[in-house]
Amino acid sequence: MPRSSRRRAPLAHPAAEEIDLLDVLHALSDPTRMTIVRVLHAEPERACGTFPVEVAASTLSHHFKVLRESGLIRQREEANRRLTALRGAELEQRFPGLLDSVLTAYDRTTGPTG
């Protein structure tokens, strides 16, 4: 079957009430994933291949999977690209102040540009 006619498997996203604190903290423990989250914190949505990270495409896919399965991001298909957004409002409702606190602390230790 030609690649263009294959459909990707649907992406799994946990419901907001199923987001686990330890999964979120684990996902935020990696500098590449922190870069993705910081970019999405500043921009509402972004195409997957446009993040300022220097990793192989397969590694980037892994990082997106960890972020998605932890509940930090939501991804959707649009034509031939995948768009990624931070689940900021859902995270704020589930763990008030957590994401802002982690981002602030990270910026203090690494500087705002990582």
PDB file of N, CA and C in Angstrom:
ATOM      1  N   MET A   1       0.854  -1.183   0.000  1.00  0.00           N
ATOM      2  CA  MET A   1       0.000   0.000   0.000  1.00  0.00           C
ATOM      3  C   MET A   1       0.893   1.237   0.000  1.00  0.00           C
ATOM      4  N   PRO A   2       0.659   2.200  -0.876  1.00  0.00           N
ATOM      5  CA  PRO A   2       1.471   3.413  -0.887  1.00  0.00           C
ATOM      6  C   PRO A   2       1.337   4.172   0.432  1.00  0.00           C
ATOM      7  N   ARG A   3       2.435   4.785   0.829  1.00  0.00           N
ATOM      8  CA  ARG A   3       2.457   5.509   2.104  1.00  0.00           C
ATOM      9  C   ARG A   3       1.346   6.550   2.202  1.00  0.00           C
ATOM     10  N   SER A   4       1.068   7.262   1.113  1.00  0.00           N
ATOM     11  CA  SER A   4       0.079   8.328   1.138  1.00  0.00           C
ATOM     12  C   SER A   4      -1.332   7.827   1.434  1.00  0.00           C
ATOM     13  N   SER A   5      -1.608   6.550   1.155  1.00  0.00           N
ATOM     14  CA  SER A   5      -2.954   6.047   1.402  1.00  0.00           C
ATOM     15  C   SER A   5      -3.090   5.353   2.760  1.00  0.00           C
ATOM     16  N   ARG A   6      -1.958   5.176   3.477  1.00  0.00           N
ATOM     17  CA  ARG A   6      -2.036   4.570   4.814  1.00  0.00           C
ATOM     18  C   ARG A   6      -2.500   5.606   5.822  1.00  0.00           C
ATOM     19  N   ARG A   7      -3.320   5.167   6.731  1.00  0.00           N
ATOM     20  CA  ARG A   7      -3.773   6.066   7.789  1.00  0.00           C
ATOM     21  C   ARG A   7      -2.967   5.776   9.033  1.00  0.00           C
ATOM     22  N   ARG A   8      -2.603   6.828   9.738  1.00  0.00           N
ATOM     23  CA  ARG A   8      -1.886   6.655  10.998  1.00  0.00           C
ATOM     24  C   ARG A   8      -2.861   6.192  12.063  1.00  0.00           C
ATOM     25  N   ALA A   9      -2.320   5.468  13.017  1.00  0.00           N
ATOM     26  CA  ALA A   9      -3.149   5.039  14.147  1.00  0.00           C
ATOM     27  C   ALA A   9      -3.583   6.273  14.931  1.00  0.00           C
ATOM     28  N   PRO A  10      -4.786   6.257  15.489  1.00  0.00           N
ATOM     29  CA  PRO A  10      -5.230   7.402  16.285  1.00  0.00           C
ATOM     30  C   PRO A  10      -4.299   7.623  17.478  1.00  0.00           C
ATOM     31  N   LEU A  11      -4.108   8.873  17.825  1.00  0.00           N
ATOM     32  CA  LEU A  11      -3.235   9.221  18.939  1.00  0.00           C
ATOM     33  C   LEU A  11      -3.995   9.097  20.257  1.00  0.00           C
ATOM     34  N   ALA A  12      -3.346   8.502  21.237  1.00  0.00           N
ATOM     35  CA  ALA A  12      -3.961   8.339  22.562  1.00  0.00           C
ATOM     36  C   ALA A  12      -3.587   9.513  23.452  1.00  0.00           C
ATOM     37  N   HIS A  13      -4.594  10.097  24.080  1.00  0.00           N
ATOM     38  CA  HIS A  13      -4.405  11.189  25.031  1.00  0.00           C
ATOM     39  C   HIS A  13      -5.181  10.848  26.293  1.00  0.00           C
ATOM     40  N   PRO A  14      -4.538  10.914  27.458  1.00  0.00           N
ATOM     41  CA  PRO A  14      -5.310  10.625  28.674  1.00  0.00           C
ATOM     42  C   PRO A  14      -6.347  11.720  28.935  1.00  0.00           C
ATOM     43  N   ALA A  15      -7.452  11.328  29.523  1.00  0.00           N
ATOM     44  CA  ALA A  15      -8.443  12.316  29.955  1.00  0.00           C
ATOM     45  C   ALA A  15      -7.809  13.177  31.042  1.00  0.00           C
ATOM     46  N   ALA A  16      -8.264  14.409  31.174  1.00  0.00           N
ATOM     47  CA  ALA A  16      -7.672  15.340  32.147  1.00  0.00           C
ATOM     48  C   ALA A  16      -7.643  14.748  33.545  1.00  0.00           C
ATOM     49  N   GLU A  17      -8.701  14.060  33.941  1.00  0.00           N
ATOM     50  CA  GLU A  17      -8.757  13.501  35.300  1.00  0.00           C
ATOM     51  C   GLU A  17      -7.833  12.296  35.476  1.00  0.00           C
ATOM     52  N   GLU A  18      -7.303  11.769  34.374  1.00  0.00           N
ATOM     53  CA  GLU A  18      -6.381  10.630  34.435  1.00  0.00           C
ATOM     54  C   GLU A  18      -4.911  11.044  34.411  1.00  0.00           C
ATOM     55  N   ILE A  19      -4.651  12.329  34.239  1.00  0.00           N
ATOM     56  CA  ILE A  19      -3.255  12.788  34.197  1.00  0.00           C
ATOM     57  C   ILE A  19      -2.631  12.586  35.567  1.00  0.00           C
ATOM     58  N   ASP A  20      -1.488  11.897  35.573  1.00  0.00           N
ATOM     59  CA  ASP A  20      -0.805  11.524  36.807  1.00  0.00           C
ATOM     60  C   ASP A  20       0.379  12.466  37.055  1.00  0.00           C
ATOM     61  N   LEU A  21       0.497  12.944  38.280  1.00  0.00           N
ATOM     62  CA  LEU A  21       1.561  13.883  38.629  1.00  0.00           C
ATOM     63  C   LEU A  21       2.944  13.306  38.349  1.00  0.00           C
ATOM     64  N   LEU A  22       3.187  12.067  38.713  1.00  0.00           N
ATOM     65  CA  LEU A  22       4.506  11.476  38.496  1.00  0.00           C
ATOM     66  C   LEU A  22       4.820  11.320  37.007  1.00  0.00           C
ATOM     67  N   ASP A  23       3.821  11.024  36.191  1.00  0.00           N
ATOM     68  CA  ASP A  23       4.036  10.951  34.743  1.00  0.00           C
ATOM     69  C   ASP A  23       4.402  12.324  34.180  1.00  0.00           C
ATOM     70  N   VAL A  24       3.729  13.352  34.665  1.00  0.00           N
ATOM     71  CA  VAL A  24       4.027  14.725  34.224  1.00  0.00           C
ATOM     72  C   VAL A  24       5.449  15.107  34.626  1.00  0.00           C
ATOM     73  N   LEU A  25       5.813  14.855  35.875  1.00  0.00           N
ATOM     74  CA  LEU A  25       7.156  15.208  36.339  1.00  0.00           C
ATOM     75  C   LEU A  25       8.224  14.420  35.594  1.00  0.00           C
ATOM     76  N   HIS A  26       7.964  13.150  35.317  1.00  0.00           N
ATOM     77  CA  HIS A  26       8.911  12.363  34.527  1.00  0.00           C
ATOM     78  C   HIS A  26       9.076  12.974  33.140  1.00  0.00           C
ATOM     79  N   ALA A  27       7.977  13.322  32.497  1.00  0.00           N
ATOM     80  CA  ALA A  27       8.040  13.893  31.150  1.00  0.00           C
ATOM     81  C   ALA A  27       8.822  15.205  31.144  1.00  0.00           C
ATOM     82  N   LEU A  28       8.720  15.960  32.219  1.00  0.00           N
ATOM     83  CA  LEU A  28       9.414  17.247  32.299  1.00  0.00           C
ATOM     84  C   LEU A  28      10.872  17.109  32.727  1.00  0.00           C
ATOM     85  N   SER A  29      11.337  15.901  32.967  1.00  0.00           N
ATOM     86  CA  SER A  29      12.699  15.701  33.469  1.00  0.00           C
ATOM     87  C   SER A  29      13.763  15.694  32.373  1.00  0.00           C
ATOM     88  N   ASP A  30      13.352  15.825  31.131  1.00  0.00           N
ATOM     89  CA  ASP A  30      14.294  15.768  30.018  1.00  0.00           C
ATOM     90  C   ASP A  30      14.431  17.155  29.376  1.00  0.00           C
ATOM     91  N   PRO A  31      15.661  17.615  29.112  1.00  0.00           N
ATOM     92  CA  PRO A  31      15.854  18.955  28.528  1.00  0.00           C
ATOM     93  C   PRO A  31      15.181  19.141  27.164  1.00  0.00           C
ATOM     94  N   THR A  32      15.168  18.120  26.318  1.00  0.00           N
ATOM     95  CA  THR A  32      14.503  18.255  25.017  1.00  0.00           C
ATOM     96  C   THR A  32      13.006  18.432  25.205  1.00  0.00           C
ATOM     97  N   ARG A  33      12.427  17.651  26.101  1.00  0.00           N
ATOM     98  CA  ARG A  33      10.985  17.784  26.351  1.00  0.00           C
ATOM     99  C   ARG A  33      10.671  19.127  27.004  1.00  0.00           C
ATOM    100  N   MET A  34      11.566  19.602  27.854  1.00  0.00           N
ATOM    101  CA  MET A  34      11.357  20.934  28.451  1.00  0.00           C
ATOM    102  C   MET A  34      11.372  22.010  27.369  1.00  0.00           C
ATOM    103  N   THR A  35      12.253  21.877  26.392  1.00  0.00           N
ATOM    104  CA  THR A  35      12.289  22.842  25.294  1.00  0.00           C
ATOM    105  C   THR A  35      10.966  22.835  24.545  1.00  0.00           C
ATOM    106  N   ILE A  36      10.439  21.665  24.265  1.00  0.00           N
ATOM    107  CA  ILE A  36       9.153  21.553  23.574  1.00  0.00           C
ATOM    108  C   ILE A  36       8.055  22.224  24.397  1.00  0.00           C
ATOM    109  N   VAL A  37       8.012  21.943  25.680  1.00  0.00           N
ATOM    110  CA  VAL A  37       6.977  22.520  26.556  1.00  0.00           C
ATOM    111  C   VAL A  37       7.130  24.033  26.639  1.00  0.00           C
ATOM    112  N   ARG A  38       8.349  24.526  26.750  1.00  0.00           N
ATOM    113  CA  ARG A  38       8.574  25.978  26.820  1.00  0.00           C
ATOM    114  C   ARG A  38       8.105  26.666  25.546  1.00  0.00           C
ATOM    115  N   VAL A  39       8.392  26.079  24.392  1.00  0.00           N
ATOM    116  CA  VAL A  39       7.940  26.650  23.122  1.00  0.00           C
ATOM    117  C   VAL A  39       6.417  26.682  23.084  1.00  0.00           C
ATOM    118  N   LEU A  40       5.792  25.581  23.468  1.00  0.00           N
ATOM    119  CA  LEU A  40       4.327  25.515  23.439  1.00  0.00           C
ATOM    120  C   LEU A  40       3.687  26.410  24.485  1.00  0.00           C
ATOM    121  N   HIS A  41       4.390  26.692  25.556  1.00  0.00           N
ATOM    122  CA  HIS A  41       3.875  27.612  26.570  1.00  0.00           C
ATOM    123  C   HIS A  41       3.775  29.029  25.987  1.00  0.00           C
ATOM    124  N   ALA A  42       4.666  29.346  25.039  1.00  0.00           N
ATOM    125  CA  ALA A  42       4.685  30.665  24.410  1.00  0.00           C
ATOM    126  C   ALA A  42       3.822  30.734  23.151  1.00  0.00           C
ATOM    127  N   GLU A  43       3.599  29.596  22.487  1.00  0.00           N
ATOM    128  CA  GLU A  43       2.822  29.539  21.249  1.00  0.00           C
ATOM    129  C   GLU A  43       1.679  28.549  21.423  1.00  0.00           C
ATOM    130  N   PRO A  44       0.503  28.864  20.901  1.00  0.00           N
ATOM    131  CA  PRO A  44      -0.638  27.968  21.125  1.00  0.00           C
ATOM    132  C   PRO A  44      -0.523  26.614  20.456  1.00  0.00           C
ATOM    133  N   GLU A  45       0.067  26.552  19.271  1.00  0.00           N
ATOM    134  CA  GLU A  45       0.138  25.285  18.541  1.00  0.00           C
ATOM    135  C   GLU A  45       1.287  25.382  17.543  1.00  0.00           C
ATOM    136  N   ARG A  46       1.915  24.232  17.303  1.00  0.00           N
ATOM    137  CA  ARG A  46       3.083  24.245  16.411  1.00  0.00           C
ATOM    138  C   ARG A  46       3.194  22.899  15.697  1.00  0.00           C
ATOM    139  N   ALA A  47       3.659  22.931  14.456  1.00  0.00           N
ATOM    140  CA  ALA A  47       3.892  21.706  13.695  1.00  0.00           C
ATOM    141  C   ALA A  47       5.088  20.970  14.289  1.00  0.00           C
ATOM    142  N   CYS A  48       5.017  19.659  14.295  1.00  0.00           N
ATOM    143  CA  CYS A  48       6.027  18.836  14.973  1.00  0.00           C
ATOM    144  C   CYS A  48       7.456  19.070  14.512  1.00  0.00           C
ATOM    145  N   GLY A  49       7.693  19.245  13.246  1.00  0.00           N
ATOM    146  CA  GLY A  49       9.052  19.385  12.746  1.00  0.00           C
ATOM    147  C   GLY A  49       9.656  20.763  12.915  1.00  0.00           C
ATOM    148  N   THR A  50       8.982  21.661  13.619  1.00  0.00           N
ATOM    149  CA  THR A  50       9.439  23.052  13.696  1.00  0.00           C
ATOM    150  C   THR A  50       9.991  23.446  15.060  1.00  0.00           C
ATOM    151  N   PHE A  51      10.223  22.490  15.937  1.00  0.00           N
ATOM    152  CA  PHE A  51      10.728  22.809  17.271  1.00  0.00           C
ATOM    153  C   PHE A  51      12.248  22.981  17.232  1.00  0.00           C
ATOM    154  N   PRO A  52      12.795  23.910  18.017  1.00  0.00           N
ATOM    155  CA  PRO A  52      14.233  24.174  18.006  1.00  0.00           C
ATOM    156  C   PRO A  52      15.024  23.159  18.831  1.00  0.00           C
ATOM    157  N   VAL A  53      15.009  21.918  18.385  1.00  0.00           N
ATOM    158  CA  VAL A  53      15.737  20.849  19.065  1.00  0.00           C
ATOM    159  C   VAL A  53      16.615  20.142  18.042  1.00  0.00           C
ATOM    160  N   GLU A  54      17.742  19.635  18.501  1.00  0.00           N
ATOM    161  CA  GLU A  54      18.673  18.961  17.603  1.00  0.00           C
ATOM    162  C   GLU A  54      18.735  17.482  17.953  1.00  0.00           C
ATOM    163  N   VAL A  55      17.680  16.776  17.571  1.00  0.00           N
ATOM    164  CA  VAL A  55      17.614  15.333  17.774  1.00  0.00           C
ATOM    165  C   VAL A  55      17.080  14.704  16.490  1.00  0.00           C
ATOM    166  N   ALA A  56      17.339  13.426  16.327  1.00  0.00           N
ATOM    167  CA  ALA A  56      16.823  12.694  15.165  1.00  0.00           C
ATOM    168  C   ALA A  56      15.299  12.668  15.198  1.00  0.00           C
ATOM    169  N   ALA A  57      14.701  12.536  14.038  1.00  0.00           N
ATOM    170  CA  ALA A  57      13.236  12.508  13.945  1.00  0.00           C
ATOM    171  C   ALA A  57      12.638  11.404  14.810  1.00  0.00           C
ATOM    172  N   SER A  58      13.278  10.239  14.844  1.00  0.00           N
ATOM    173  CA  SER A  58      12.752   9.138  15.659  1.00  0.00           C
ATOM    174  C   SER A  58      12.832   9.473  17.149  1.00  0.00           C
ATOM    175  N   THR A  59      13.888  10.159  17.550  1.00  0.00           N
ATOM    176  CA  THR A  59      14.018  10.576  18.952  1.00  0.00           C
ATOM    177  C   THR A  59      12.975  11.625  19.290  1.00  0.00           C
ATOM    178  N   LEU A  60      12.751  12.558  18.380  1.00  0.00           N
ATOM    179  CA  LEU A  60      11.739  13.585  18.603  1.00  0.00           C
ATOM    180  C   LEU A  60      10.357  12.945  18.729  1.00  0.00           C
ATOM    181  N   SER A  61      10.083  11.951  17.894  1.00  0.00           N
ATOM    182  CA  SER A  61       8.799  11.235  17.992  1.00  0.00           C
ATOM    183  C   SER A  61       8.639  10.592  19.366  1.00  0.00           C
ATOM    184  N   HIS A  62       9.706  10.030  19.880  1.00  0.00           N
ATOM    185  CA  HIS A  62       9.665   9.438  21.223  1.00  0.00           C
ATOM    186  C   HIS A  62       9.338  10.508  22.267  1.00  0.00           C
ATOM    187  N   HIS A  63       9.985  11.662  22.175  1.00  0.00           N
ATOM    188  CA  HIS A  63       9.727  12.732  23.144  1.00  0.00           C
ATOM    189  C   HIS A  63       8.271  13.191  23.073  1.00  0.00           C
ATOM    190  N   PHE A  64       7.732  13.322  21.861  1.00  0.00           N
ATOM    191  CA  PHE A  64       6.323  13.688  21.730  1.00  0.00           C
ATOM    192  C   PHE A  64       5.423  12.624  22.351  1.00  0.00           C
ATOM    193  N   LYS A  65       5.757  11.374  22.163  1.00  0.00           N
ATOM    194  CA  LYS A  65       4.954  10.291  22.743  1.00  0.00           C
ATOM    195  C   LYS A  65       4.954  10.372  24.268  1.00  0.00           C
ATOM    196  N   VAL A  66       6.113  10.591  24.869  1.00  0.00           N
ATOM    197  CA  VAL A  66       6.191  10.711  26.333  1.00  0.00           C
ATOM    198  C   VAL A  66       5.348  11.894  26.806  1.00  0.00           C
ATOM    199  N   LEU A  67       5.471  13.028  26.135  1.00  0.00           N
ATOM    200  CA  LEU A  67       4.695  14.217  26.517  1.00  0.00           C
ATOM    201  C   LEU A  67       3.198  13.987  26.330  1.00  0.00           C
ATOM    202  N   ARG A  68       2.819  13.341  25.230  1.00  0.00           N
ATOM    203  CA  ARG A  68       1.400  13.084  24.948  1.00  0.00           C
ATOM    204  C   ARG A  68       0.808  12.103  25.955  1.00  0.00           C
ATOM    205  N   GLU A  69       1.514  10.998  26.209  1.00  0.00           N
ATOM    206  CA  GLU A  69       0.981   9.990  27.119  1.00  0.00           C
ATOM    207  C   GLU A  69       0.958  10.462  28.568  1.00  0.00           C
ATOM    208  N   SER A  70       1.792  11.431  28.909  1.00  0.00           N
ATOM    209  CA  SER A  70       1.764  11.984  30.266  1.00  0.00           C
ATOM    210  C   SER A  70       0.616  12.981  30.444  1.00  0.00           C
ATOM    211  N   GLY A  71       0.077  13.460  29.323  1.00  0.00           N
ATOM    212  CA  GLY A  71      -1.015  14.433  29.382  1.00  0.00           C
ATOM    213  C   GLY A  71      -0.569  15.869  29.211  1.00  0.00           C
ATOM    214  N   LEU A  72       0.710  16.101  28.952  1.00  0.00           N
ATOM    215  CA  LEU A  72       1.211  17.472  28.798  1.00  0.00           C
ATOM    216  C   LEU A  72       0.827  18.110  27.469  1.00  0.00           C
ATOM    217  N   ILE A  73       0.753  17.318  26.410  1.00  0.00           N
ATOM    218  CA  ILE A  73       0.433  17.874  25.094  1.00  0.00           C
ATOM    219  C   ILE A  73      -0.727  17.127  24.464  1.00  0.00           C
ATOM    220  N   ARG A  74      -1.317  17.779  23.488  1.00  0.00           N
ATOM    221  CA  ARG A  74      -2.340  17.166  22.648  1.00  0.00           C
ATOM    222  C   ARG A  74      -1.853  17.328  21.218  1.00  0.00           C
ATOM    223  N   GLN A  75      -1.955  16.262  20.436  1.00  0.00           N
ATOM    224  CA  GLN A  75      -1.552  16.324  19.040  1.00  0.00           C
ATOM    225  C   GLN A  75      -2.742  15.987  18.160  1.00  0.00           C
ATOM    226  N   ARG A  76      -2.743  16.612  16.976  1.00  0.00           N
ATOM    227  CA  ARG A  76      -3.809  16.341  16.013  1.00  0.00           C
ATOM    228  C   ARG A  76      -3.225  16.356  14.606  1.00  0.00           C
ATOM    229  N   GLU A  77      -3.872  15.599  13.755  1.00  0.00           N
ATOM    230  CA  GLU A  77      -3.465  15.514  12.354  1.00  0.00           C
ATOM    231  C   GLU A  77      -4.211  16.574  11.563  1.00  0.00           C
ATOM    232  N   GLU A  78      -3.472  17.246  10.691  1.00  0.00           N
ATOM    233  CA  GLU A  78      -4.087  18.198   9.765  1.00  0.00           C
ATOM    234  C   GLU A  78      -3.391  18.036   8.423  1.00  0.00           C
ATOM    235  N   ALA A  79      -4.115  17.496   7.465  1.00  0.00           N
ATOM    236  CA  ALA A  79      -3.549  17.169   6.155  1.00  0.00           C
ATOM    237  C   ALA A  79      -2.348  16.250   6.356  1.00  0.00           C
ATOM    238  N   ASN A  80      -1.169  16.670   5.914  1.00  0.00           N
ATOM    239  CA  ASN A  80       0.001  15.791   6.018  1.00  0.00           C
ATOM    240  C   ASN A  80       0.928  16.188   7.163  1.00  0.00           C
ATOM    241  N   ARG A  81       0.433  16.946   8.123  1.00  0.00           N
ATOM    242  CA  ARG A  81       1.286  17.319   9.259  1.00  0.00           C
ATOM    243  C   ARG A  81       0.576  17.065  10.579  1.00  0.00           C
ATOM    244  N   ARG A  82       1.378  16.987  11.617  1.00  0.00           N
ATOM    245  CA  ARG A  82       0.868  16.770  12.962  1.00  0.00           C
ATOM    246  C   ARG A  82       1.127  18.042  13.764  1.00  0.00           C
ATOM    247  N   LEU A  83       0.071  18.564  14.356  1.00  0.00           N
ATOM    248  CA  LEU A  83       0.175  19.782  15.158  1.00  0.00           C
ATOM    249  C   LEU A  83       0.143  19.428  16.638  1.00  0.00           C
ATOM    250  N   THR A  84       0.919  20.171  17.413  1.00  0.00           N
ATOM    251  CA  THR A  84       1.076  19.902  18.835  1.00  0.00           C
ATOM    252  C   THR A  84       0.696  21.137  19.632  1.00  0.00           C
ATOM    253  N   ALA A  85      -0.044  20.934  20.719  1.00  0.00           N
ATOM    254  CA  ALA A  85      -0.433  22.030  21.611  1.00  0.00           C
ATOM    255  C   ALA A  85      -0.257  21.586  23.060  1.00  0.00           C
ATOM    256  N   LEU A  86       0.082  22.527  23.905  1.00  0.00           N
ATOM    257  CA  LEU A  86       0.194  22.280  25.331  1.00  0.00           C
ATOM    258  C   LEU A  86      -1.208  22.208  25.937  1.00  0.00           C
ATOM    259  N   ARG A  87      -1.419  21.295  26.841  1.00  0.00           N
ATOM    260  CA  ARG A  87      -2.721  21.178  27.516  1.00  0.00           C
ATOM    261  C   ARG A  87      -2.704  22.031  28.786  1.00  0.00           C
ATOM    262  N   GLY A  88      -2.351  23.285  28.614  1.00  0.00           N
ATOM    263  CA  GLY A  88      -2.141  24.197  29.732  1.00  0.00           C
ATOM    264  C   GLY A  88      -3.336  24.358  30.661  1.00  0.00           C
ATOM    265  N   ALA A  89      -4.499  24.605  30.102  1.00  0.00           N
ATOM    266  CA  ALA A  89      -5.685  24.817  30.943  1.00  0.00           C
ATOM    267  C   ALA A  89      -6.045  23.555  31.726  1.00  0.00           C
ATOM    268  N   GLU A  90      -5.941  22.400  31.072  1.00  0.00           N
ATOM    269  CA  GLU A  90      -6.253  21.140  31.750  1.00  0.00           C
ATOM    270  C   GLU A  90      -5.238  20.848  32.852  1.00  0.00           C
ATOM    271  N   LEU A  91      -3.969  21.131  32.578  1.00  0.00           N
ATOM    272  CA  LEU A  91      -2.933  20.916  33.589  1.00  0.00           C
ATOM    273  C   LEU A  91      -3.103  21.870  34.762  1.00  0.00           C
ATOM    274  N   GLU A  92      -3.471  23.105  34.460  1.00  0.00           N
ATOM    275  CA  GLU A  92      -3.680  24.091  35.524  1.00  0.00           C
ATOM    276  C   GLU A  92      -4.849  23.682  36.412  1.00  0.00           C
ATOM    277  N   GLN A  93      -5.882  23.154  35.816  1.00  0.00           N
ATOM    278  CA  GLN A  93      -7.031  22.699  36.601  1.00  0.00           C
ATOM    279  C   GLN A  93      -6.661  21.484  37.452  1.00  0.00           C
ATOM    280  N   ARG A  94      -5.896  20.578  36.885  1.00  0.00           N
ATOM    281  CA  ARG A  94      -5.539  19.341  37.588  1.00  0.00           C
ATOM    282  C   ARG A  94      -4.480  19.581  38.671  1.00  0.00           C
ATOM    283  N   PHE A  95      -3.456  20.393  38.330  1.00  0.00           N
ATOM    284  CA  PHE A  95      -2.334  20.675  39.243  1.00  0.00           C
ATOM    285  C   PHE A  95      -2.058  22.179  39.237  1.00  0.00           C
ATOM    286  N   PRO A  96      -2.858  22.959  39.963  1.00  0.00           N
ATOM    287  CA  PRO A  96      -2.733  24.419  39.915  1.00  0.00           C
ATOM    288  C   PRO A  96      -1.307  24.903  40.199  1.00  0.00           C
ATOM    289  N   GLY A  97      -0.799  25.724  39.270  1.00  0.00           N
ATOM    290  CA  GLY A  97       0.501  26.352  39.440  1.00  0.00           C
ATOM    291  C   GLY A  97       1.702  25.478  39.108  1.00  0.00           C
ATOM    292  N   LEU A  98       1.501  24.197  38.870  1.00  0.00           N
ATOM    293  CA  LEU A  98       2.628  23.282  38.667  1.00  0.00           C
ATOM    294  C   LEU A  98       3.467  23.656  37.449  1.00  0.00           C
ATOM    295  N   LEU A  99       2.834  23.782  36.311  1.00  0.00           N
ATOM    296  CA  LEU A  99       3.586  24.022  35.083  1.00  0.00           C
ATOM    297  C   LEU A  99       4.338  25.349  35.149  1.00  0.00           C
ATOM    298  N   ASP A 100       3.687  26.396  35.600  1.00  0.00           N
ATOM    299  CA  ASP A 100       4.372  27.695  35.719  1.00  0.00           C
ATOM    300  C   ASP A 100       5.537  27.609  36.691  1.00  0.00           C
ATOM    301  N   SER A 101       5.364  26.901  37.795  1.00  0.00           N
ATOM    302  CA  SER A 101       6.444  26.752  38.774  1.00  0.00           C
ATOM    303  C   SER A 101       7.632  26.004  38.191  1.00  0.00           C
ATOM    304  N   VAL A 102       7.367  24.929  37.475  1.00  0.00           N
ATOM    305  CA  VAL A 102       8.444  24.139  36.878  1.00  0.00           C
ATOM    306  C   VAL A 102       9.163  24.962  35.807  1.00  0.00           C
ATOM    307  N   LEU A 103       8.415  25.657  34.957  1.00  0.00           N
ATOM    308  CA  LEU A 103       9.035  26.458  33.909  1.00  0.00           C
ATOM    309  C   LEU A 103       9.871  27.596  34.499  1.00  0.00           C
ATOM    310  N   THR A 104       9.363  28.251  35.538  1.00  0.00           N
ATOM    311  CA  THR A 104      10.105  29.327  36.191  1.00  0.00           C
ATOM    312  C   THR A 104      11.392  28.802  36.811  1.00  0.00           C
ATOM    313  N   ALA A 105      11.297  27.690  37.505  1.00  0.00           N
ATOM    314  CA  ALA A 105      12.488  27.101  38.132  1.00  0.00           C
ATOM    315  C   ALA A 105      13.495  26.668  37.066  1.00  0.00           C
ATOM    316  N   TYR A 106      13.029  26.095  35.980  1.00  0.00           N
ATOM    317  CA  TYR A 106      13.920  25.658  34.908  1.00  0.00           C
ATOM    318  C   TYR A 106      14.632  26.860  34.283  1.00  0.00           C
ATOM    319  N   ASP A 107      13.890  27.921  34.026  1.00  0.00           N
ATOM    320  CA  ASP A 107      14.494  29.124  33.454  1.00  0.00           C
ATOM    321  C   ASP A 107      15.533  29.738  34.395  1.00  0.00           C
ATOM    322  N   ARG A 108      15.296  29.657  35.699  1.00  0.00           N
ATOM    323  CA  ARG A 108      16.263  30.177  36.663  1.00  0.00           C
ATOM    324  C   ARG A 108      17.577  29.405  36.618  1.00  0.00           C
ATOM    325  N   THR A 109      17.484  28.109  36.356  1.00  0.00           N
ATOM    326  CA  THR A 109      18.711  27.291  36.377  1.00  0.00           C
ATOM    327  C   THR A 109      19.401  27.219  35.020  1.00  0.00           C
ATOM    328  N   THR A 110      18.660  27.395  33.930  1.00  0.00           N
ATOM    329  CA  THR A 110      19.267  27.262  32.607  1.00  0.00           C
ATOM    330  C   THR A 110      19.298  28.555  31.810  1.00  0.00           C
ATOM    331  N   GLY A 111      18.545  29.536  32.239  1.00  0.00           N
ATOM    332  CA  GLY A 111      18.392  30.758  31.462  1.00  0.00           C
ATOM    333  C   GLY A 111      17.213  30.595  30.536  1.00  0.00           C
ATOM    334  N   PRO A 112      16.569  31.688  30.133  1.00  0.00           N
ATOM    335  CA  PRO A 112      15.341  31.614  29.348  1.00  0.00           C
ATOM    336  C   PRO A 112      15.504  30.992  27.966  1.00  0.00           C
ATOM    337  N   THR A 113      16.709  30.874  27.462  1.00  0.00           N
ATOM    338  CA  THR A 113      16.879  30.257  26.142  1.00  0.00           C
ATOM    339  C   THR A 113      17.378  28.831  26.242  1.00  0.00           C
ATOM    340  N   GLY A 114      17.467  28.279  27.442  1.00  0.00           N
ATOM    341  CA  GLY A 114      17.832  26.881  27.595  1.00  0.00           C
ATOM    342  C   GLY A 114      19.299  26.692  27.618  1.00  0.00           C
TER     343      GLY A 114
END
